[in-house]
Amino acid sequence: ELVAWAGGLAILVAVPVGVVLSRPAFRLFSEAVMQVFN
């Protein structure tokens, strides 16, 4: 249950964030934002 909640929420958040960061308008800031998740 813990893994399902944490993993499911991570997928719901991380995939859209990765998509947004890959867009040309956000690529300049992508590495800086990635360090926050790091």
PDB file of all heavy atoms in Angstrom:
ATOM      1  N   GLU A   1       0.829  -1.207   0.000  1.00  0.00           N
ATOM      2  CA  GLU A   1       0.000   0.000   0.000  1.00  0.00           C
ATOM      3  C   GLU A   1       0.864   1.257   0.000  1.00  0.00           C
ATOM      4  O   GLU A   1       0.589   2.218  -0.734  1.00  0.00           O
ATOM      5  CB  GLU A   1      -0.932  -0.006   1.215  1.00  0.00           C
ATOM      6  CG  GLU A   1      -2.065  -1.016   1.117  1.00  0.00           C
ATOM      7  CD  GLU A   1      -2.912  -1.060   2.371  1.00  0.00           C
ATOM      8  OE1 GLU A   1      -2.511  -0.412   3.380  1.00  0.00           O
ATOM      9  OE2 GLU A   1      -3.964  -1.724   2.357  1.00  0.00           O
ATOM     10  N   LEU A   2       1.906   1.267   0.821  1.00  0.00           N
ATOM     11  CA  LEU A   2       2.811   2.417   0.864  1.00  0.00           C
ATOM     12  C   LEU A   2       3.494   2.627  -0.486  1.00  0.00           C
ATOM     13  O   LEU A   2       3.586   3.756  -0.989  1.00  0.00           O
ATOM     14  CB  LEU A   2       3.866   2.215   1.953  1.00  0.00           C
ATOM     15  CG  LEU A   2       3.362   2.268   3.406  1.00  0.00           C
ATOM     16  CD1 LEU A   2       4.434   1.730   4.348  1.00  0.00           C
ATOM     17  CD2 LEU A   2       2.995   3.696   3.784  1.00  0.00           C
ATOM     18  N   VAL A   3       3.964   1.539  -1.083  1.00  0.00           N
ATOM     19  CA  VAL A   3       4.632   1.632  -2.383  1.00  0.00           C
ATOM     20  C   VAL A   3       3.659   2.083  -3.463  1.00  0.00           C
ATOM     21  O   VAL A   3       4.002   2.907  -4.324  1.00  0.00           O
ATOM     22  CB  VAL A   3       5.269   0.272  -2.748  1.00  0.00           C
ATOM     23  CG1 VAL A   3       5.775   0.280  -4.190  1.00  0.00           C
ATOM     24  CG2 VAL A   3       6.407  -0.055  -1.796  1.00  0.00           C
ATOM     25  N   ALA A   4       2.430   1.570  -3.413  1.00  0.00           N
ATOM     26  CA  ALA A   4       1.434   1.944  -4.417  1.00  0.00           C
ATOM     27  C   ALA A   4       1.097   3.433  -4.340  1.00  0.00           C
ATOM     28  O   ALA A   4       1.026   4.122  -5.367  1.00  0.00           O
ATOM     29  CB  ALA A   4       0.178   1.105  -4.233  1.00  0.00           C
ATOM     30  N   TRP A   5       0.908   3.930  -3.130  1.00  0.00           N
ATOM     31  CA  TRP A   5       0.597   5.351  -2.982  1.00  0.00           C
ATOM     32  C   TRP A   5       1.771   6.230  -3.414  1.00  0.00           C
ATOM     33  O   TRP A   5       1.610   7.159  -4.206  1.00  0.00           O
ATOM     34  CB  TRP A   5       0.227   5.653  -1.530  1.00  0.00           C
ATOM     35  CG  TRP A   5      -1.211   5.414  -1.200  1.00  0.00           C
ATOM     36  CD1 TRP A   5      -1.727   4.387  -0.466  1.00  0.00           C
ATOM     37  CD2 TRP A   5      -2.329   6.200  -1.614  1.00  0.00           C
ATOM     38  NE1 TRP A   5      -3.083   4.473  -0.393  1.00  0.00           N
ATOM     39  CE2 TRP A   5      -3.488   5.583  -1.081  1.00  0.00           C
ATOM     40  CE3 TRP A   5      -2.470   7.352  -2.371  1.00  0.00           C
ATOM     41  CZ2 TRP A   5      -4.770   6.091  -1.287  1.00  0.00           C
ATOM     42  CZ3 TRP A   5      -3.745   7.866  -2.583  1.00  0.00           C
ATOM     43  CH2 TRP A   5      -4.872   7.242  -2.044  1.00  0.00           C
ATOM     44  N   ALA A   6       2.964   5.930  -2.889  1.00  0.00           N
ATOM     45  CA  ALA A   6       4.129   6.753  -3.206  1.00  0.00           C
ATOM     46  C   ALA A   6       4.501   6.645  -4.678  1.00  0.00           C
ATOM     47  O   ALA A   6       4.745   7.657  -5.354  1.00  0.00           O
ATOM     48  CB  ALA A   6       5.316   6.341  -2.330  1.00  0.00           C
ATOM     49  N   GLY A   7       4.538   5.417  -5.211  1.00  0.00           N
ATOM     50  CA  GLY A   7       4.901   5.223  -6.611  1.00  0.00           C
ATOM     51  C   GLY A   7       3.865   5.791  -7.560  1.00  0.00           C
ATOM     52  O   GLY A   7       4.207   6.410  -8.577  1.00  0.00           O
ATOM     53  N   GLY A   8       2.580   5.585  -7.240  1.00  0.00           N
ATOM     54  CA  GLY A   8       1.526   6.129  -8.100  1.00  0.00           C
ATOM     55  C   GLY A   8       1.544   7.640  -8.156  1.00  0.00           C
ATOM     56  O   GLY A   8       1.441   8.237  -9.239  1.00  0.00           O
ATOM     57  N   LEU A   9       1.698   8.278  -6.996  1.00  0.00           N
ATOM     58  CA  LEU A   9       1.777   9.745  -6.976  1.00  0.00           C
ATOM     59  C   LEU A   9       3.026  10.246  -7.699  1.00  0.00           C
ATOM     60  O   LEU A   9       2.988  11.287  -8.373  1.00  0.00           O
ATOM     61  CB  LEU A   9       1.760  10.245  -5.529  1.00  0.00           C
ATOM     62  CG  LEU A   9       0.439  10.071  -4.775  1.00  0.00           C
ATOM     63  CD1 LEU A   9       0.607  10.441  -3.297  1.00  0.00           C
ATOM     64  CD2 LEU A   9      -0.650  10.940  -5.410  1.00  0.00           C
ATOM     65  N   ALA A  10       4.127   9.513  -7.554  1.00  0.00           N
ATOM     66  CA  ALA A  10       5.359   9.912  -8.243  1.00  0.00           C
ATOM     67  C   ALA A  10       5.181   9.866  -9.760  1.00  0.00           C
ATOM     68  O   ALA A  10       5.628  10.761 -10.476  1.00  0.00           O
ATOM     69  CB  ALA A  10       6.516   9.010  -7.820  1.00  0.00           C
ATOM     70  N   ILE A  11       4.517   8.820 -10.262  1.00  0.00           N
ATOM     71  CA  ILE A  11       4.274   8.720 -11.704  1.00  0.00           C
ATOM     72  C   ILE A  11       3.367   9.854 -12.180  1.00  0.00           C
ATOM     73  O   ILE A  11       3.628  10.497 -13.211  1.00  0.00           O
ATOM     74  CB  ILE A  11       3.654   7.351 -12.043  1.00  0.00           C
ATOM     75  CG1 ILE A  11       4.666   6.236 -11.788  1.00  0.00           C
ATOM     76  CG2 ILE A  11       3.196   7.309 -13.508  1.00  0.00           C
ATOM     77  CD1 ILE A  11       4.079   4.843 -11.856  1.00  0.00           C
ATOM     78  N   LEU A  12       2.312  10.135 -11.407  1.00  0.00           N
ATOM     79  CA  LEU A  12       1.368  11.189 -11.792  1.00  0.00           C
ATOM     80  C   LEU A  12       2.024  12.564 -11.825  1.00  0.00           C
ATOM     81  O   LEU A  12       1.631  13.428 -12.616  1.00  0.00           O
ATOM     82  CB  LEU A  12       0.186  11.206 -10.820  1.00  0.00           C
ATOM     83  CG  LEU A  12      -0.792  10.028 -10.904  1.00  0.00           C
ATOM     84  CD1 LEU A  12      -1.854  10.133  -9.814  1.00  0.00           C
ATOM     85  CD2 LEU A  12      -1.453   9.983 -12.279  1.00  0.00           C
ATOM     86  N   VAL A  13       3.020  12.782 -10.981  1.00  0.00           N
ATOM     87  CA  VAL A  13       3.698  14.082 -10.940  1.00  0.00           C
ATOM     88  C   VAL A  13       4.889  14.115 -11.892  1.00  0.00           C
ATOM     89  O   VAL A  13       5.079  15.081 -12.651  1.00  0.00           O
ATOM     90  CB  VAL A  13       4.154  14.406  -9.505  1.00  0.00           C
ATOM     91  CG1 VAL A  13       5.038  15.664  -9.486  1.00  0.00           C
ATOM     92  CG2 VAL A  13       2.951  14.596  -8.592  1.00  0.00           C
ATOM     93  N   ALA A  14       5.725  13.070 -11.865  1.00  0.00           N
ATOM     94  CA  ALA A  14       7.018  13.111 -12.549  1.00  0.00           C
ATOM     95  C   ALA A  14       6.888  13.049 -14.070  1.00  0.00           C
ATOM     96  O   ALA A  14       7.634  13.730 -14.785  1.00  0.00           O
ATOM     97  CB  ALA A  14       7.902  11.971 -12.061  1.00  0.00           C
ATOM     98  N   VAL A  15       5.965  12.235 -14.585  1.00  0.00           N
ATOM     99  CA  VAL A  15       5.836  12.134 -16.044  1.00  0.00           C
ATOM    100  C   VAL A  15       5.406  13.471 -16.660  1.00  0.00           C
ATOM    101  O   VAL A  15       6.033  13.937 -17.623  1.00  0.00           O
ATOM    102  CB  VAL A  15       4.867  10.990 -16.433  1.00  0.00           C
ATOM    103  CG1 VAL A  15       4.576  11.022 -17.929  1.00  0.00           C
ATOM    104  CG2 VAL A  15       5.468   9.635 -16.051  1.00  0.00           C
ATOM    105  N   PRO A  16       4.352  14.131 -16.150  1.00  0.00           N
ATOM    106  CA  PRO A  16       4.015  15.452 -16.712  1.00  0.00           C
ATOM    107  C   PRO A  16       5.136  16.471 -16.574  1.00  0.00           C
ATOM    108  O   PRO A  16       5.361  17.281 -17.490  1.00  0.00           O
ATOM    109  CB  PRO A  16       2.782  15.873 -15.891  1.00  0.00           C
ATOM    110  CG  PRO A  16       2.182  14.603 -15.430  1.00  0.00           C
ATOM    111  CD  PRO A  16       3.335  13.687 -15.172  1.00  0.00           C
ATOM    112  N   VAL A  17       5.862  16.440 -15.444  1.00  0.00           N
ATOM    113  CA  VAL A  17       6.977  17.381 -15.274  1.00  0.00           C
ATOM    114  C   VAL A  17       8.058  17.112 -16.312  1.00  0.00           C
ATOM    115  O   VAL A  17       8.614  18.045 -16.918  1.00  0.00           O
ATOM    116  CB  VAL A  17       7.557  17.293 -13.851  1.00  0.00           C
ATOM    117  CG1 VAL A  17       8.870  18.065 -13.748  1.00  0.00           C
ATOM    118  CG2 VAL A  17       6.557  17.837 -12.843  1.00  0.00           C
ATOM    119  N   GLY A  18       8.384  15.853 -16.532  1.00  0.00           N
ATOM    120  CA  GLY A  18       9.372  15.510 -17.554  1.00  0.00           C
ATOM    121  C   GLY A  18       8.939  15.945 -18.938  1.00  0.00           C
ATOM    122  O   GLY A  18       9.758  16.406 -19.744  1.00  0.00           O
ATOM    123  N   VAL A  19       7.643  15.808 -19.233  1.00  0.00           N
ATOM    124  CA  VAL A  19       7.112  16.250 -20.529  1.00  0.00           C
ATOM    125  C   VAL A  19       7.269  17.762 -20.673  1.00  0.00           C
ATOM    126  O   VAL A  19       7.725  18.261 -21.711  1.00  0.00           O
ATOM    127  CB  VAL A  19       5.636  15.839 -20.679  1.00  0.00           C
ATOM    128  CG1 VAL A  19       5.022  16.492 -21.921  1.00  0.00           C
ATOM    129  CG2 VAL A  19       5.511  14.321 -20.779  1.00  0.00           C
ATOM    130  N   VAL A  20       6.896  18.495 -19.630  1.00  0.00           N
ATOM    131  CA  VAL A  20       6.985  19.967 -19.687  1.00  0.00           C
ATOM    132  C   VAL A  20       8.432  20.410 -19.861  1.00  0.00           C
ATOM    133  O   VAL A  20       8.731  21.297 -20.674  1.00  0.00           O
ATOM    134  CB  VAL A  20       6.378  20.586 -18.410  1.00  0.00           C
ATOM    135  CG1 VAL A  20       6.677  22.082 -18.344  1.00  0.00           C
ATOM    136  CG2 VAL A  20       4.875  20.362 -18.373  1.00  0.00           C
ATOM    137  N   LEU A  21       9.351  19.798 -19.129  1.00  0.00           N
ATOM    138  CA  LEU A  21      10.757  20.195 -19.218  1.00  0.00           C
ATOM    139  C   LEU A  21      11.362  19.889 -20.585  1.00  0.00           C
ATOM    140  O   LEU A  21      12.340  20.524 -20.988  1.00  0.00           O
ATOM    141  CB  LEU A  21      11.575  19.488 -18.129  1.00  0.00           C
ATOM    142  CG  LEU A  21      11.280  19.890 -16.681  1.00  0.00           C
ATOM    143  CD1 LEU A  21      12.137  19.075 -15.727  1.00  0.00           C
ATOM    144  CD2 LEU A  21      11.535  21.379 -16.465  1.00  0.00           C
ATOM    145  N   SER A  22      10.793  18.931 -21.300  1.00  0.00           N
ATOM    146  CA  SER A  22      11.323  18.581 -22.621  1.00  0.00           C
ATOM    147  C   SER A  22      10.845  19.526 -23.715  1.00  0.00           C
ATOM    148  O   SER A  22      11.354  19.469 -24.839  1.00  0.00           O
ATOM    149  CB  SER A  22      10.918  17.146 -22.989  1.00  0.00           C
ATOM    150  OG  SER A  22       9.519  17.061 -23.223  1.00  0.00           O
ATOM    151  N   ARG A  23       9.875  20.382 -23.402  1.00  0.00           N
ATOM    152  CA  ARG A  23       9.374  21.324 -24.410  1.00  0.00           C
ATOM    153  C   ARG A  23      10.421  22.402 -24.673  1.00  0.00           C
ATOM    154  O   ARG A  23      11.142  22.821 -23.757  1.00  0.00           O
ATOM    155  CB  ARG A  23       8.073  21.965 -23.958  1.00  0.00           C
ATOM    156  CG  ARG A  23       6.898  21.010 -23.670  1.00  0.00           C
ATOM    157  CD  ARG A  23       6.549  20.149 -24.865  1.00  0.00           C
ATOM    158  NE  ARG A  23       7.324  18.910 -24.896  1.00  0.00           N
ATOM    159  CZ  ARG A  23       7.359  18.084 -25.934  1.00  0.00           C
ATOM    160  NH1 ARG A  23       6.683  18.378 -27.030  1.00  0.00           N
ATOM    161  NH2 ARG A  23       8.075  16.988 -25.886  1.00  0.00           N
ATOM    162  N   PRO A  24      10.528  22.891 -25.915  1.00  0.00           N
ATOM    163  CA  PRO A  24      11.559  23.878 -26.262  1.00  0.00           C
ATOM    164  C   PRO A  24      11.549  25.111 -25.367  1.00  0.00           C
ATOM    165  O   PRO A  24      12.615  25.655 -25.046  1.00  0.00           O
ATOM    166  CB  PRO A  24      11.212  24.243 -27.709  1.00  0.00           C
ATOM    167  CG  PRO A  24      10.522  23.033 -28.244  1.00  0.00           C
ATOM    168  CD  PRO A  24       9.742  22.462 -27.090  1.00  0.00           C
ATOM    169  N   ALA A  25      10.383  25.552 -24.930  1.00  0.00           N
ATOM    170  CA  ALA A  25      10.299  26.775 -24.121  1.00  0.00           C
ATOM    171  C   ALA A  25      10.904  26.594 -22.731  1.00  0.00           C
ATOM    172  O   ALA A  25      11.280  27.585 -22.087  1.00  0.00           O
ATOM    173  CB  ALA A  25       8.838  27.207 -23.993  1.00  0.00           C
ATOM    174  N   PHE A  26      11.022  25.356 -22.251  1.00  0.00           N
ATOM    175  CA  PHE A  26      11.499  25.108 -20.885  1.00  0.00           C
ATOM    176  C   PHE A  26      12.870  24.438 -20.844  1.00  0.00           C
ATOM    177  O   PHE A  26      13.383  24.195 -19.750  1.00  0.00           O
ATOM    178  CB  PHE A  26      10.489  24.244 -20.128  1.00  0.00           C
ATOM    179  CG  PHE A  26       9.168  24.909 -19.888  1.00  0.00           C
ATOM    180  CD1 PHE A  26       8.116  24.743 -20.779  1.00  0.00           C
ATOM    181  CD2 PHE A  26       8.967  25.720 -18.777  1.00  0.00           C
ATOM    182  CE1 PHE A  26       6.899  25.349 -20.567  1.00  0.00           C
ATOM    183  CE2 PHE A  26       7.753  26.332 -18.554  1.00  0.00           C
ATOM    184  CZ  PHE A  26       6.709  26.156 -19.447  1.00  0.00           C
ATOM    185  N   ARG A  27      13.440  24.108 -21.984  1.00  0.00           N
ATOM    186  CA  ARG A  27      14.698  23.362 -21.985  1.00  0.00           C
ATOM    187  C   ARG A  27      15.844  24.159 -21.358  1.00  0.00           C
ATOM    188  O   ARG A  27      16.771  23.577 -20.797  1.00  0.00           O
ATOM    189  CB  ARG A  27      15.061  22.965 -23.416  1.00  0.00           C
ATOM    190  CG  ARG A  27      14.195  21.838 -23.956  1.00  0.00           C
ATOM    191  CD  ARG A  27      14.504  21.504 -25.395  1.00  0.00           C
ATOM    192  NE  ARG A  27      13.553  20.533 -25.921  1.00  0.00           N
ATOM    193  CZ  ARG A  27      13.486  20.163 -27.195  1.00  0.00           C
ATOM    194  NH1 ARG A  27      14.337  20.689 -28.083  1.00  0.00           N
ATOM    195  NH2 ARG A  27      12.583  19.272 -27.585  1.00  0.00           N
ATOM    196  N   LEU A  28      15.787  25.487 -21.431  1.00  0.00           N
ATOM    197  CA  LEU A  28      16.841  26.313 -20.857  1.00  0.00           C
ATOM    198  C   LEU A  28      16.902  26.143 -19.343  1.00  0.00           C
ATOM    199  O   LEU A  28      17.979  26.236 -18.743  1.00  0.00           O
ATOM    200  CB  LEU A  28      16.605  27.784 -21.220  1.00  0.00           C
ATOM    201  CG  LEU A  28      17.662  28.788 -20.758  1.00  0.00           C
ATOM    202  CD1 LEU A  28      19.009  28.480 -21.405  1.00  0.00           C
ATOM    203  CD2 LEU A  28      17.233  30.210 -21.072  1.00  0.00           C
ATOM    204  N   PHE A  29      15.750  25.873 -18.720  1.00  0.00           N
ATOM    205  CA  PHE A  29      15.696  25.761 -17.263  1.00  0.00           C
ATOM    206  C   PHE A  29      15.617  24.305 -16.796  1.00  0.00           C
ATOM    207  O   PHE A  29      15.490  24.058 -15.597  1.00  0.00           O
ATOM    208  CB  PHE A  29      14.464  26.508 -16.733  1.00  0.00           C
ATOM    209  CG  PHE A  29      14.301  27.888 -17.297  1.00  0.00           C
ATOM    210  CD1 PHE A  29      13.392  28.131 -18.316  1.00  0.00           C
ATOM    211  CD2 PHE A  29      15.059  28.937 -16.816  1.00  0.00           C
ATOM    212  CE1 PHE A  29      13.237  29.402 -18.839  1.00  0.00           C
ATOM    213  CE2 PHE A  29      14.913  30.209 -17.327  1.00  0.00           C
ATOM    214  CZ  PHE A  29      14.006  30.453 -18.343  1.00  0.00           C
ATOM    215  N   SER A  30      15.677  23.361 -17.726  1.00  0.00           N
ATOM    216  CA  SER A  30      15.410  21.963 -17.375  1.00  0.00           C
ATOM    217  C   SER A  30      16.408  21.412 -16.359  1.00  0.00           C
ATOM    218  O   SER A  30      16.016  20.756 -15.390  1.00  0.00           O
ATOM    219  CB  SER A  30      15.401  21.095 -18.635  1.00  0.00           C
ATOM    220  OG  SER A  30      16.652  21.165 -19.292  1.00  0.00           O
ATOM    221  N   GLU A  31      17.693  21.671 -16.551  1.00  0.00           N
ATOM    222  CA  GLU A  31      18.689  21.112 -15.637  1.00  0.00           C
ATOM    223  C   GLU A  31      18.581  21.728 -14.250  1.00  0.00           C
ATOM    224  O   GLU A  31      18.788  21.045 -13.242  1.00  0.00           O
ATOM    225  CB  GLU A  31      20.096  21.318 -16.203  1.00  0.00           C
ATOM    226  CG  GLU A  31      20.462  20.355 -17.317  1.00  0.00           C
ATOM    227  CD  GLU A  31      20.351  18.894 -16.879  1.00  0.00           C
ATOM    228  OE1 GLU A  31      20.705  18.584 -15.724  1.00  0.00           O
ATOM    229  OE2 GLU A  31      19.905  18.067 -17.681  1.00  0.00           O
ATOM    230  N   ALA A  32      18.265  23.028 -14.197  1.00  0.00           N
ATOM    231  CA  ALA A  32      18.101  23.672 -12.890  1.00  0.00           C
ATOM    232  C   ALA A  32      16.922  23.056 -12.135  1.00  0.00           C
ATOM    233  O   ALA A  32      17.009  22.776 -10.929  1.00  0.00           O
ATOM    234  CB  ALA A  32      17.886  25.175 -13.069  1.00  0.00           C
ATOM    235  N   VAL A  33      15.818  22.818 -12.842  1.00  0.00           N
ATOM    236  CA  VAL A  33      14.654  22.196 -12.206  1.00  0.00           C
ATOM    237  C   VAL A  33      14.973  20.756 -11.832  1.00  0.00           C
ATOM    238  O   VAL A  33      14.546  20.264 -10.771  1.00  0.00           O
ATOM    239  CB  VAL A  33      13.435  22.255 -13.151  1.00  0.00           C
ATOM    240  CG1 VAL A  33      12.253  21.511 -12.543  1.00  0.00           C
ATOM    241  CG2 VAL A  33      13.057  23.697 -13.448  1.00  0.00           C
ATOM    242  N   MET A  34      15.752  20.072 -12.661  1.00  0.00           N
ATOM    243  CA  MET A  34      16.103  18.676 -12.380  1.00  0.00           C
ATOM    244  C   MET A  34      16.887  18.557 -11.081  1.00  0.00           C
ATOM    245  O   MET A  34      16.756  17.564 -10.349  1.00  0.00           O
ATOM    246  CB  MET A  34      16.910  18.104 -13.541  1.00  0.00           C
ATOM    247  CG  MET A  34      16.768  16.616 -13.722  1.00  0.00           C
ATOM    248  SD  MET A  34      15.225  16.148 -14.520  1.00  0.00           S
ATOM    249  CE  MET A  34      15.517  16.699 -16.202  1.00  0.00           C
ATOM    250  N   GLN A  35      17.698  19.559 -10.777  1.00  0.00           N
ATOM    251  CA  GLN A  35      18.476  19.526  -9.538  1.00  0.00           C
ATOM    252  C   GLN A  35      17.586  19.606  -8.306  1.00  0.00           C
ATOM    253  O   GLN A  35      17.947  19.103  -7.238  1.00  0.00           O
ATOM    254  CB  GLN A  35      19.507  20.662  -9.521  1.00  0.00           C
ATOM    255  CG  GLN A  35      20.616  20.509 -10.540  1.00  0.00           C
ATOM    256  CD  GLN A  35      21.297  19.159 -10.466  1.00  0.00           C
ATOM    257  OE1 GLN A  35      21.687  18.713  -9.383  1.00  0.00           O
ATOM    258  NE2 GLN A  35      21.467  18.494 -11.602  1.00  0.00           N
ATOM    259  N   VAL A  36      16.436  20.244  -8.445  1.00  0.00           N
ATOM    260  CA  VAL A  36      15.480  20.275  -7.325  1.00  0.00           C
ATOM    261  C   VAL A  36      14.997  18.861  -7.033  1.00  0.00           C
ATOM    262  O   VAL A  36      14.924  18.435  -5.874  1.00  0.00           O
ATOM    263  CB  VAL A  36      14.294  21.201  -7.658  1.00  0.00           C
ATOM    264  CG1 VAL A  36      13.257  21.156  -6.551  1.00  0.00           C
ATOM    265  CG2 VAL A  36      14.779  22.632  -7.874  1.00  0.00           C
ATOM    266  N   PHE A  37      14.648  18.110  -8.091  1.00  0.00           N
ATOM    267  CA  PHE A  37      14.218  16.726  -7.902  1.00  0.00           C
ATOM    268  C   PHE A  37      15.377  15.840  -7.465  1.00  0.00           C
ATOM    269  O   PHE A  37      15.162  14.811  -6.824  1.00  0.00           O
ATOM    270  CB  PHE A  37      13.614  16.183  -9.195  1.00  0.00           C
ATOM    271  CG  PHE A  37      12.309  16.810  -9.561  1.00  0.00           C
ATOM    272  CD1 PHE A  37      12.242  17.837 -10.497  1.00  0.00           C
ATOM    273  CD2 PHE A  37      11.131  16.398  -8.966  1.00  0.00           C
ATOM    274  CE1 PHE A  37      11.044  18.428 -10.829  1.00  0.00           C
ATOM    275  CE2 PHE A  37       9.915  16.976  -9.292  1.00  0.00           C
ATOM    276  CZ  PHE A  37       9.874  17.995 -10.223  1.00  0.00           C
ATOM    277  N   ASN A  38      16.587  16.254  -7.793  1.00  0.00           N
ATOM    278  CA  ASN A  38      17.762  15.472  -7.425  1.00  0.00           C
ATOM    279  C   ASN A  38      17.978  15.447  -5.918  1.00  0.00           C
ATOM    280  O   ASN A  38      18.655  14.556  -5.397  1.00  0.00           O
ATOM    281  CB  ASN A  38      19.000  16.037  -8.121  1.00  0.00           C
ATOM    282  CG  ASN A  38      20.187  15.097  -8.042  1.00  0.00           C
ATOM    283  OD1 ASN A  38      20.035  13.883  -8.109  1.00  0.00           O
ATOM    284  ND2 ASN A  38      21.370  15.655  -7.871  1.00  0.00           N
TER     285      ASN A  38
END
